[in-house]
Every structure is written in C-alpha cells, then in structure tokens.
Amino acid sequence: MIHRTLAALAAAATLSFGTAALAQDRSDWPNSLTIGTASQGGTYFVYGNGFASYIAESLGIAASGEVTGGPVQNVTLVETGDHLMGLVTMGPAYDAWNGKSELAPGLEHRSIRALFPMYQTPFQVIALRSSGITSVSDLAGKRVGVGPAGGTPGTYWPQFLDVLGVEATVSNAGASDSAGQLQDGLIDAFAFAAGVPISAFAELAASQDVVMFGFNDEELPKIREAFPAFAPLTIKAGTYAGHDYDQTTVAMWNFVIAHESMPESLAYEITRLALDNPERMVQIHAAARETLIENWDKNTFMPFHPGAVRYYEEKGITIPENLR
C-alpha cells in the first residue's frame, strides 16, 4: 500500500512537472499566427490553409492562412513582421535576401528564417484544345494570364517569354480568376507555377477539353541557360485526369519560412509536425509528398530558424554554419 502510494505521488509529481514545463515552454508563444499563402485555386492556398488547420488542431494555437500575391509578397510580409510565417519559392526569397525584391527594392530581407522544405514548383501552361496552342512559342500574339502580380508565375513567366522572344499580352489575376477567364475566352492561355496537381488546372481538365504543356525540346535549353538556378522537371503522365503524356519543364523549390522572432520551441514544434507526419501532410495536398526531411538541403542560402536546427540535429542532420 505504501509502495503504491509513493508511486502515485511520484507519478503525480512527474505529471505536474511535465505540465509546468510545457506551460513554461509555451509562455512566449503568440495567441495566433498567420501564414501568407497566395491566390485561391493555387497550391499555396490549399497547402497553407491546410497546414494552418493542422497547426491549430495539433498545437492548440489559432493559425490561419491568408490570401496574398504569393512568394514575393510573402517574404516581405514575414520580413516586416506582418506575418509570422509564409510560403516562398527560393528564387524570389534569394532576391529578397539580397535586397533585390521587386516589392521592396534595396531592403535586404535578413530577418527571415527557413523552417522546412515543401515541394518543387513546376512551370506549366494550360489552354483550350480548340485554341490550337501547344507550346510556349505558340503564345506569340496571344492573351496570357500569369497569376497574381508579385507571385512566382507573375514574376518569371514574363521573363521566360522575353528569353524565348515571344511577344504576348500578359495579364495578372488569381488562379481561380485566371481559370475562369480562360474558360470564358477572355484569355487564350493560363501560364502558372505551383505544386502539381494545380487545383485550378485539375478543375479545368475535369470540365473542359484542354491541353497542358511546359517547354519543348527547342525552348528548354534556352530557359536553362538563362535561368541556371532552375532545375529540369518532368510532370508525369496521369498527373491530371485524361492527360496521358509527360510534360518537360523547369521548377524551383518552395520552403516554409518564419520571422526570426518566432519562439524557438514553436519553430521546433511546427517543423516536427510537418516532417514527422508525411502521410498527414499528403492529405493536405498531394504536392506534400516532397515535404520530406531529406530535402532540407534544397535551401542553400537562408539560415534555418534555431528551432528548426534543433529538430534536424535531433534527427542526425548537421546544419552547416552558414545556414545556422
């Protein structure tokens, strides 16, 4: 009886200590946090809002995704502290890090910190089959939607067209709006960039007779020469219903970032939540199949948050000094 009583007291003391430690550990956590995503209908919107719900469910903090113009805006919103977290592609993030952001030129974004890799963003075009458009070169003289101004596609598609000598009328709108404009004949093609399958593309493919493509054999070498940081990627046949052909294109990696002021324990828990639970992440969006710990090294310039560093080192990964 005495032994049982002592054991119960010890267990209660341990539980009390654990609870107190947990409370102390979270004492500097914010009551809420906002994740900058992108336009509705894009992968960022689905991924960001889904992950925010997962954070709220698992960590008990009010988290929400917010519609933005995409990575160029997100990295600045995190830098200025307007958002605690954001989703970014590494091209715009690298430009912002070095003070070359289109949104905030001259401001070196040195308060941003990497948490974990998301997925690769391929560049892809969709058009109605009746248009006869089957390549980027065919966009000459056409009306082309490229997503929101300041987003990854809105930033790079005009540059791609310039490199290929394709003169087109470019317009900016969110993914859902651009898909609607294509369906209504207000634009001839929608050139975008997001984790595949792109929700807006999948919806169009389900309701319209469409063709999708990246860069053909003549275009791809020119793009790779002009943009060496972009990696070649093949969008596999069957990624979209009814599209049984591979699409060659280029892609860049996406990361979830946070402001340096995020409490270390919170950054640790958010990174752990994403990378310890790949099955759950894929339920949020199929693109999260690349949200894996081994892809941490796709970040080559931005320091990781100390909380993320602690997580990686617990998993046996040594983060280089220049990324700490």
Protein backbone atom coordinates (compact mmCIF):
# COMPACT_ATOMS: atom_id res chain seq x y z
CA MET A 1 0.00 0.00 0.00
CA ILE A 2 2.82 2.37 0.94
CA HIS A 3 4.68 1.50 -2.26
CA ARG A 4 1.57 2.15 -4.34
CA THR A 5 1.02 5.48 -2.60
CA LEU A 6 4.62 6.57 -3.15
CA ALA A 7 4.43 5.52 -6.81
CA ALA A 8 1.23 7.51 -7.25
CA LEU A 9 2.78 10.57 -5.64
CA ALA A 10 5.86 10.26 -7.84
CA ALA A 11 3.71 9.94 -10.94
CA ALA A 12 1.67 12.98 -9.92
CA ALA A 13 4.83 14.97 -9.29
CA THR A 14 6.22 13.94 -12.68
CA LEU A 15 2.95 14.90 -14.40
CA SER A 16 2.87 18.23 -12.56
CA PHE A 17 6.48 18.94 -13.51
CA GLY A 18 5.81 17.99 -17.12
CA THR A 19 2.74 20.19 -17.29
CA ALA A 20 4.60 23.11 -15.73
CA ALA A 21 7.49 22.64 -18.14
CA LEU A 22 5.12 22.56 -21.06
CA ALA A 23 3.36 25.70 -19.84
CA GLN A 24 6.69 27.44 -19.38
CA ASP A 25 7.84 26.22 -22.78
CA ARG A 26 4.83 27.87 -24.40
CA SER A 27 4.76 31.01 -22.33
CA ASP A 28 6.27 33.07 -25.14
CA TRP A 29 4.06 31.62 -27.88
CA PRO A 30 1.73 34.06 -29.66
CA ASN A 31 -2.01 33.59 -29.34
CA SER A 32 -2.33 33.36 -33.10
CA LEU A 33 -0.24 33.26 -36.25
CA THR A 34 -0.88 33.99 -39.90
CA ILE A 35 0.64 32.11 -42.83
CA GLY A 36 0.96 34.02 -46.10
CA THR A 37 -0.24 31.81 -48.97
CA ALA A 38 -1.28 33.02 -52.46
CA SER A 39 -4.40 33.29 -54.60
CA GLN A 40 -7.36 30.94 -54.26
CA GLY A 41 -7.20 27.94 -56.58
CA GLY A 42 -3.41 27.60 -56.29
CA THR A 43 -1.37 25.05 -54.39
CA TYR A 44 -0.10 27.60 -51.84
CA PHE A 45 -3.67 28.43 -50.83
CA VAL A 46 -4.58 24.77 -50.27
CA TYR A 47 -1.27 23.81 -48.64
CA GLY A 48 -1.07 26.89 -46.41
CA ASN A 49 -4.63 26.78 -45.14
CA GLY A 50 -4.49 23.02 -44.64
CA PHE A 51 -1.26 23.26 -42.67
CA ALA A 52 -2.64 26.15 -40.60
CA SER A 53 -5.59 23.95 -39.62
CA TYR A 54 -3.16 21.15 -38.73
CA ILE A 55 -1.17 23.53 -36.51
CA ALA A 56 -4.35 24.67 -34.76
CA GLU A 57 -5.51 21.10 -34.25
CA SER A 58 -2.18 19.74 -33.01
CA LEU A 59 -0.58 22.65 -31.17
CA GLY A 60 -3.63 24.50 -29.89
CA ILE A 61 -2.69 27.83 -31.42
CA ALA A 62 -5.06 29.85 -33.62
CA ALA A 63 -3.41 29.60 -37.03
CA SER A 64 -4.84 30.72 -40.37
CA GLY A 65 -3.77 31.12 -43.97
CA GLU A 66 -4.18 34.46 -45.71
CA VAL A 67 -4.65 35.15 -49.41
CA THR A 68 -1.68 37.14 -50.75
CA GLY A 69 0.04 37.90 -54.03
CA GLY A 70 2.34 34.94 -53.48
CA PRO A 71 6.03 34.41 -52.61
CA VAL A 72 7.35 37.87 -53.46
CA GLN A 73 4.81 39.44 -51.10
CA ASN A 74 5.04 36.66 -48.52
CA VAL A 75 8.77 37.03 -47.95
CA THR A 76 8.36 40.77 -47.34
CA LEU A 77 5.35 40.25 -45.05
CA VAL A 78 7.48 37.93 -42.93
CA GLU A 79 10.49 40.27 -43.03
CA THR A 80 8.40 43.19 -41.76
CA GLY A 81 6.71 41.04 -39.10
CA ASP A 82 3.22 41.44 -40.57
CA HIS A 83 3.07 37.65 -40.88
CA LEU A 84 4.88 35.23 -38.62
CA MET A 85 5.08 32.58 -41.36
CA GLY A 86 4.98 32.48 -45.14
CA LEU A 87 5.28 30.13 -48.10
CA VAL A 88 8.02 31.10 -50.56
CA THR A 89 9.81 29.88 -53.64
CA MET A 90 13.55 30.12 -53.29
CA GLY A 91 14.09 32.35 -56.33
CA PRO A 92 12.12 35.33 -55.00
CA ALA A 93 13.39 34.59 -51.48
CA TYR A 94 17.01 34.74 -52.69
CA ASP A 95 16.34 38.03 -54.48
CA ALA A 96 14.73 39.48 -51.35
CA TRP A 97 17.57 38.23 -49.14
CA ASN A 98 19.96 40.25 -51.29
CA GLY A 99 17.80 43.38 -51.43
CA LYS A 100 16.56 42.79 -54.98
CA SER A 101 12.88 42.19 -54.29
CA GLU A 102 10.54 43.82 -56.78
CA LEU A 103 8.23 44.68 -53.90
CA ALA A 104 10.87 46.17 -51.58
CA PRO A 105 13.94 47.01 -53.68
CA GLY A 106 17.04 47.81 -51.65
CA LEU A 107 15.77 46.13 -48.47
CA GLU A 108 17.88 43.12 -47.56
CA HIS A 109 15.47 40.62 -46.00
CA ARG A 110 17.71 39.34 -43.22
CA SER A 111 15.02 38.56 -40.61
CA ILE A 112 13.62 35.56 -42.49
CA ARG A 113 14.45 32.02 -41.38
CA ALA A 114 13.84 28.67 -43.06
CA LEU A 115 11.73 26.01 -41.35
CA PHE A 116 11.22 23.11 -43.78
CA PRO A 117 11.03 22.21 -47.49
CA MET A 118 7.64 21.99 -49.17
CA TYR A 119 7.89 20.78 -52.79
CA GLN A 120 9.12 21.75 -56.22
CA THR A 121 7.15 24.29 -58.24
CA PRO A 122 6.99 23.40 -61.94
CA PHE A 123 6.02 25.98 -64.55
CA GLN A 124 3.08 24.85 -66.67
CA VAL A 125 0.65 26.24 -69.25
CA ILE A 126 -2.97 25.29 -69.91
CA ALA A 127 -5.08 26.26 -72.93
CA LEU A 128 -8.31 25.12 -74.54
CA ARG A 129 -7.57 22.49 -77.17
CA SER A 130 -9.70 24.42 -79.65
CA SER A 131 -7.17 27.30 -79.50
CA GLY A 132 -4.53 25.28 -81.32
CA ILE A 133 -1.91 26.37 -78.77
CA THR A 134 0.50 23.55 -77.96
CA SER A 135 3.76 25.27 -76.94
CA VAL A 136 5.10 28.40 -75.25
CA SER A 137 6.20 29.68 -78.66
CA ASP A 138 2.56 29.50 -79.79
CA LEU A 139 1.71 32.17 -77.21
CA ALA A 140 3.06 34.89 -79.51
CA GLY A 141 0.33 37.46 -80.09
CA LYS A 142 -1.96 35.77 -77.54
CA ARG A 143 -3.53 36.92 -74.29
CA VAL A 144 -1.82 35.09 -71.44
CA GLY A 145 -2.75 35.08 -67.75
CA VAL A 146 0.27 34.57 -65.47
CA GLY A 147 -1.24 34.62 -61.99
CA PRO A 148 -1.05 37.45 -59.46
CA ALA A 149 1.49 40.24 -59.78
CA GLY A 150 4.33 39.51 -57.37
CA GLY A 151 3.72 35.78 -57.37
CA THR A 152 6.23 33.25 -58.72
CA PRO A 153 4.50 32.80 -62.11
CA GLY A 154 3.74 36.52 -62.39
CA THR A 155 7.42 37.24 -61.82
CA TYR A 156 9.04 34.63 -64.03
CA TRP A 157 6.67 33.92 -66.94
CA PRO A 158 7.19 37.39 -68.48
CA GLN A 159 10.95 36.78 -68.19
CA PHE A 160 10.62 33.37 -69.85
CA LEU A 161 8.65 34.90 -72.72
CA ASP A 162 11.32 37.57 -73.19
CA VAL A 163 14.10 34.98 -73.32
CA LEU A 164 12.20 33.00 -75.96
CA GLY A 165 11.35 36.13 -77.95
CA VAL A 166 7.62 35.57 -77.51
CA GLU A 167 5.58 38.77 -77.50
CA ALA A 168 2.27 38.22 -75.75
CA THR A 169 -0.27 40.33 -73.90
CA VAL A 170 0.26 39.40 -70.26
CA SER A 171 -2.34 39.92 -67.53
CA ASN A 172 -2.40 39.30 -63.78
CA ALA A 173 -5.14 37.64 -61.74
CA GLY A 174 -5.54 34.95 -59.11
CA ALA A 175 -5.52 31.29 -60.11
CA SER A 176 -9.29 30.83 -59.84
CA ASP A 177 -9.98 34.06 -61.73
CA SER A 178 -7.49 33.18 -64.47
CA ALA A 179 -9.06 29.74 -64.88
CA GLY A 180 -12.47 31.40 -65.24
CA GLN A 181 -11.10 33.87 -67.78
CA LEU A 182 -9.67 31.01 -69.86
CA GLN A 183 -12.98 29.17 -69.78
CA ASP A 184 -14.85 32.34 -70.80
CA GLY A 185 -12.46 33.14 -73.65
CA LEU A 186 -11.09 36.32 -72.05
CA ILE A 187 -7.53 34.94 -72.24
CA ASP A 188 -6.04 32.41 -74.63
CA ALA A 189 -3.79 30.59 -72.17
CA PHE A 190 -3.03 30.44 -68.46
CA ALA A 191 0.68 30.12 -67.60
CA PHE A 192 1.17 29.31 -63.94
CA ALA A 193 3.54 27.76 -61.41
CA ALA A 194 2.50 25.70 -58.39
CA GLY A 195 2.86 22.26 -56.89
CA VAL A 196 1.18 19.66 -59.03
CA PRO A 197 -1.56 18.85 -59.44
CA ILE A 198 -2.55 22.52 -59.64
CA SER A 199 -6.11 22.71 -58.33
CA ALA A 200 -7.27 25.24 -60.93
CA PHE A 201 -5.78 23.15 -63.76
CA ALA A 202 -7.37 19.96 -62.43
CA GLU A 203 -10.78 21.64 -62.30
CA LEU A 204 -10.43 22.89 -65.87
CA ALA A 205 -9.31 19.46 -67.05
CA ALA A 206 -12.41 17.93 -65.48
CA SER A 207 -14.81 20.30 -67.24
CA GLN A 208 -13.10 21.40 -70.47
CA ASP A 209 -11.15 19.89 -73.36
CA VAL A 210 -7.72 21.34 -72.56
CA VAL A 211 -4.07 20.85 -73.40
CA MET A 212 -1.21 21.36 -70.92
CA PHE A 213 2.50 21.77 -71.59
CA GLY A 214 5.82 23.06 -70.27
CA PHE A 215 8.82 23.75 -72.52
CA ASN A 216 9.58 21.76 -75.66
CA ASP A 217 12.99 20.50 -76.80
CA GLU A 218 13.86 23.79 -78.51
CA GLU A 219 12.70 26.05 -75.67
CA LEU A 220 14.06 24.16 -72.65
CA PRO A 221 17.82 24.66 -73.34
CA LYS A 222 17.31 28.42 -73.74
CA ILE A 223 15.42 28.65 -70.44
CA ARG A 224 18.01 26.58 -68.59
CA GLU A 225 20.86 28.69 -69.94
CA ALA A 226 19.16 31.93 -68.90
CA PHE A 227 17.99 30.61 -65.50
CA PRO A 228 20.67 28.23 -64.19
CA ALA A 229 19.09 28.07 -60.72
CA PHE A 230 16.05 26.33 -62.15
CA ALA A 231 16.09 22.53 -62.31
CA PRO A 232 14.59 20.46 -65.14
CA LEU A 233 11.49 18.50 -64.17
CA THR A 234 9.08 16.14 -65.88
CA ILE A 235 5.39 16.29 -64.95
CA LYS A 236 4.44 12.66 -65.30
CA ALA A 237 1.63 11.36 -67.46
CA GLY A 238 -1.52 10.82 -65.44
CA THR A 239 -0.90 13.70 -63.05
CA TYR A 240 -4.12 15.16 -64.45
CA ALA A 241 -7.10 13.07 -65.46
CA GLY A 242 -7.18 12.45 -69.20
CA HIS A 243 -3.61 13.65 -69.80
CA ASP A 244 -1.51 10.61 -70.61
CA TYR A 245 1.68 12.35 -71.72
CA ASP A 246 4.79 13.61 -69.92
CA GLN A 247 5.45 17.35 -69.83
CA THR A 248 9.03 18.66 -69.68
CA THR A 249 9.55 21.92 -67.84
CA VAL A 250 11.63 23.65 -65.13
CA ALA A 251 10.98 24.01 -61.43
CA MET A 252 12.22 25.66 -58.23
CA TRP A 253 11.91 24.60 -54.61
CA ASN A 254 9.48 26.03 -52.05
CA PHE A 255 10.10 26.44 -48.33
CA VAL A 256 8.06 27.44 -45.30
CA ILE A 257 9.76 30.38 -43.61
CA ALA A 258 9.27 32.24 -40.34
CA HIS A 259 10.36 35.52 -38.82
CA GLU A 260 13.45 35.23 -36.64
CA SER A 261 11.37 36.36 -33.63
CA MET A 262 9.28 33.17 -33.65
CA PRO A 263 9.88 31.39 -30.31
CA GLU A 264 12.38 28.56 -30.72
CA SER A 265 10.07 25.96 -29.20
CA LEU A 266 7.25 26.92 -31.57
CA ALA A 267 9.53 26.74 -34.63
CA TYR A 268 10.69 23.31 -33.41
CA GLU A 269 7.13 22.02 -32.97
CA ILE A 270 5.95 23.33 -36.36
CA THR A 271 8.93 21.78 -38.15
CA ARG A 272 8.45 18.50 -36.29
CA LEU A 273 4.73 18.49 -37.10
CA ALA A 274 5.39 18.75 -40.83
CA LEU A 275 8.35 16.42 -41.21
CA ASP A 276 7.36 13.70 -38.74
CA ASN A 277 3.95 13.20 -40.36
CA PRO A 278 4.33 12.78 -44.14
CA GLU A 279 1.10 10.80 -44.50
CA ARG A 280 -0.92 13.59 -42.92
CA MET A 281 0.83 16.25 -45.00
CA VAL A 282 -0.10 14.45 -48.23
CA GLN A 283 -3.73 14.55 -47.09
CA ILE A 284 -3.44 18.34 -47.13
CA HIS A 285 -2.10 18.39 -50.71
CA ALA A 286 -0.53 15.76 -52.97
CA ALA A 287 2.44 18.08 -53.59
CA ALA A 288 3.45 17.50 -49.95
CA ARG A 289 4.84 14.11 -50.98
CA GLU A 290 8.09 16.10 -51.32
CA THR A 291 7.77 17.63 -47.84
CA LEU A 292 10.48 15.30 -46.56
CA ILE A 293 13.38 15.80 -44.17
CA GLU A 294 15.95 14.74 -46.78
CA ASN A 295 15.06 17.78 -48.87
CA TRP A 296 16.34 20.21 -46.21
CA ASP A 297 19.45 20.77 -48.33
CA LYS A 298 17.47 22.43 -51.12
CA ASN A 299 17.94 25.62 -49.10
CA THR A 300 21.42 26.92 -49.88
CA PHE A 301 21.44 30.49 -48.56
CA MET A 302 18.84 31.26 -45.86
CA PRO A 303 19.66 30.49 -42.21
CA PHE A 304 17.39 27.94 -40.61
CA HIS A 305 15.47 29.01 -37.53
CA PRO A 306 17.21 27.76 -34.34
CA GLY A 307 14.10 25.71 -33.53
CA ALA A 308 14.32 24.00 -36.91
CA VAL A 309 18.07 23.45 -36.42
CA ARG A 310 17.32 21.67 -33.14
CA TYR A 311 14.84 19.38 -34.89
CA TYR A 312 17.23 18.49 -37.73
CA GLU A 313 20.11 17.83 -35.34
CA GLU A 314 17.90 15.52 -33.26
CA LYS A 315 17.41 13.58 -36.50
CA GLY A 316 21.16 13.33 -37.05
CA ILE A 317 21.47 16.12 -39.63
CA THR A 318 24.27 18.64 -39.20
CA ILE A 319 23.27 22.06 -40.50
CA PRO A 320 26.29 23.93 -41.97
CA GLU A 321 27.48 27.00 -40.09
CA ASN A 322 26.47 29.34 -42.94
CA LEU A 323 22.86 28.12 -42.61
CA ARG A 324 22.54 28.48 -38.84
